[in-house]
């Protein structure tokens, strides 16, 4: 998988292909990313009642050498994310705030472009084109 893609995006992208135990790990990490700093591979295995090799394979599936490498990258990404939050912008500096928001959005768009499967995109467009009706729904912040 492309190394420029964030850990969280990798998890969400590969989630449908994961085993039940891998999904348990993914769910735990997505719901508790701030706890990863203190977690060792055996701790997460014990908490989720799964084997150490399963946790190791989870990290490998995401493209890392092991859980420790995954953990380090996730922590780095979380730290970088804190540096670009709108709350860190000086009050009253509309230009900096606006530029920060656009940079984050541009990064998200670039990451999405890296994930595109053009074959599936073409099939989706063809399905939409041939559909008698199309309904669009938004969930959470996707709207």
Protein backbone atom coordinates (compact mmCIF):
# COMPACT_ATOMS: atom_id res chain seq x y z
CA UNK A 1 0.00 0.00 0.00
CA UNK A 2 1.15 3.55 -0.70
CA UNK A 3 3.31 4.72 2.21
CA UNK A 4 1.95 8.29 1.92
CA UNK A 5 -1.48 7.11 3.04
CA UNK A 6 -2.18 7.68 6.73
CA UNK A 7 -2.48 4.76 9.15
CA UNK A 8 -6.13 5.52 9.86
CA UNK A 9 -6.95 5.68 6.15
CA UNK A 10 -5.13 2.38 5.58
CA UNK A 11 -7.20 0.75 8.32
CA UNK A 12 -10.46 2.08 6.89
CA UNK A 13 -9.51 1.10 3.34
CA UNK A 14 -8.52 -2.46 4.20
CA UNK A 15 -11.28 -2.98 6.79
CA UNK A 16 -13.63 -4.90 4.46
CA UNK A 17 -10.85 -7.42 3.71
CA UNK A 18 -9.94 -8.00 7.37
CA UNK A 19 -10.70 -11.09 9.42
CA UNK A 20 -12.95 -10.81 12.47
CA UNK A 21 -9.98 -10.52 14.83
CA UNK A 22 -8.29 -7.94 12.61
CA UNK A 23 -11.53 -5.93 12.59
CA UNK A 24 -11.53 -6.07 16.41
CA UNK A 25 -8.00 -4.59 16.41
CA UNK A 26 -9.01 -1.98 13.83
CA UNK A 27 -12.10 -1.00 15.82
CA UNK A 28 -10.07 -0.70 19.01
CA UNK A 29 -7.46 1.51 17.34
CA UNK A 30 -10.03 3.68 15.55
CA UNK A 31 -11.96 4.18 18.79
CA UNK A 32 -8.91 4.66 21.05
CA UNK A 33 -6.03 6.07 18.96
CA UNK A 34 -4.69 8.06 21.91
CA UNK A 35 -4.06 4.84 23.87
CA UNK A 36 -1.71 3.38 21.25
CA UNK A 37 1.31 5.22 22.69
CA UNK A 38 1.21 3.09 25.85
CA UNK A 39 0.17 -0.20 24.26
CA UNK A 40 2.50 -3.10 23.62
CA UNK A 41 1.58 -5.87 21.22
CA UNK A 42 0.85 -8.31 24.07
CA UNK A 43 -1.35 -5.75 25.86
CA UNK A 44 -3.63 -5.27 22.87
CA UNK A 45 -3.71 -9.03 22.26
CA UNK A 46 -4.75 -9.65 25.88
CA UNK A 47 -7.36 -6.86 25.90
CA UNK A 48 -8.98 -8.23 22.76
CA UNK A 49 -8.46 -11.92 23.60
CA UNK A 50 -6.58 -12.58 20.38
CA UNK A 51 -3.15 -14.01 19.60
CA UNK A 52 0.07 -12.04 19.26
CA UNK A 53 0.56 -13.27 15.67
CA UNK A 54 -2.84 -11.84 14.75
CA UNK A 55 -1.79 -8.38 15.96
CA UNK A 56 1.49 -8.75 14.10
CA UNK A 57 -0.31 -9.81 10.87
CA UNK A 58 -2.65 -6.82 11.27
CA UNK A 59 0.34 -4.45 11.16
CA UNK A 60 1.85 -6.36 8.22
CA UNK A 61 -1.45 -6.15 6.33
CA UNK A 62 -1.24 -2.36 6.70
CA UNK A 63 2.23 -2.39 5.14
CA UNK A 64 4.42 -2.18 8.25
CA UNK A 65 7.28 -4.41 9.39
CA UNK A 66 5.48 -5.02 12.67
CA UNK A 67 3.21 -3.53 15.32
CA UNK A 68 5.94 -1.30 16.73
CA UNK A 69 6.52 0.37 13.34
CA UNK A 70 2.78 0.82 12.91
CA UNK A 71 2.50 2.33 16.39
CA UNK A 72 5.36 4.78 15.78
CA UNK A 73 3.85 5.96 12.48
CA UNK A 74 0.40 6.39 14.02
CA UNK A 75 1.84 8.42 16.90
CA UNK A 76 3.74 10.64 14.44
CA UNK A 77 0.59 11.22 12.42
CA UNK A 78 -1.40 12.07 15.52
CA UNK A 79 1.29 14.54 16.63
CA UNK A 80 1.38 16.18 13.20
CA UNK A 81 -2.40 16.41 13.22
CA UNK A 82 -2.25 18.42 16.41
CA UNK A 83 -0.03 21.01 14.72
CA UNK A 84 -2.52 21.78 11.97
CA UNK A 85 -5.66 22.19 14.03
CA UNK A 86 -7.59 25.40 13.63
CA UNK A 87 -7.41 25.95 17.39
CA UNK A 88 -3.66 26.58 17.13
CA UNK A 89 -4.13 29.54 14.78
CA UNK A 90 -3.81 33.02 16.24
CA UNK A 91 -7.17 34.58 16.98
CA UNK A 92 -8.27 37.08 14.39
CA UNK A 93 -5.91 35.85 11.67
CA UNK A 94 -8.50 34.93 9.07
CA UNK A 95 -5.95 34.43 6.29
CA UNK A 96 -3.88 31.87 8.25
CA UNK A 97 -6.99 30.04 9.40
CA UNK A 98 -8.35 29.85 5.86
CA UNK A 99 -5.00 28.71 4.41
CA UNK A 100 -4.71 26.03 7.12
CA UNK A 101 -8.15 24.65 6.34
CA UNK A 102 -7.42 24.57 2.61
CA UNK A 103 -4.07 22.81 3.15
CA UNK A 104 -5.76 20.10 5.22
CA UNK A 105 -8.51 19.69 2.63
CA UNK A 106 -5.98 19.55 -0.24
CA UNK A 107 -4.04 16.86 1.62
CA UNK A 108 -7.23 14.84 2.07
CA UNK A 109 -8.04 15.15 -1.63
CA UNK A 110 -4.51 14.05 -2.62
CA UNK A 111 -4.76 11.06 -0.28
CA UNK A 112 -8.10 10.13 -1.83
CA UNK A 113 -6.61 10.40 -5.32
CA UNK A 114 -3.88 7.92 -4.30
CA UNK A 115 -6.59 5.45 -3.23
CA UNK A 116 -8.68 5.58 -6.42
CA UNK A 117 -9.21 2.36 -8.29
CA UNK A 118 -10.12 3.59 -11.78
CA UNK A 119 -11.60 0.28 -12.82
CA UNK A 120 -14.08 0.41 -9.92
CA UNK A 121 -14.70 4.11 -10.56
CA UNK A 122 -15.60 3.35 -14.16
CA UNK A 123 -18.00 0.60 -13.02
CA UNK A 124 -19.62 2.98 -10.52
CA UNK A 125 -20.10 5.67 -13.16
CA UNK A 126 -21.61 3.12 -15.55
CA UNK A 127 -23.99 1.89 -12.81
CA UNK A 128 -25.08 5.46 -12.05
CA UNK A 129 -25.55 6.19 -15.73
CA UNK A 130 -27.74 3.11 -16.21
CA UNK A 131 -29.75 3.50 -13.00
CA UNK A 132 -33.41 4.47 -13.20
CA UNK A 133 -33.15 6.26 -9.83
CA UNK A 134 -30.27 7.43 -7.71
CA UNK A 135 -30.44 8.27 -4.00
CA UNK A 136 -27.65 10.09 -2.19
CA UNK A 137 -27.13 9.91 1.56
CA UNK A 138 -24.63 11.69 3.77
CA UNK A 139 -23.30 10.41 7.08
CA UNK A 140 -21.65 12.45 9.83
CA UNK A 141 -19.01 14.82 8.47
CA UNK A 142 -19.24 13.44 4.94
CA UNK A 143 -21.95 15.97 4.10
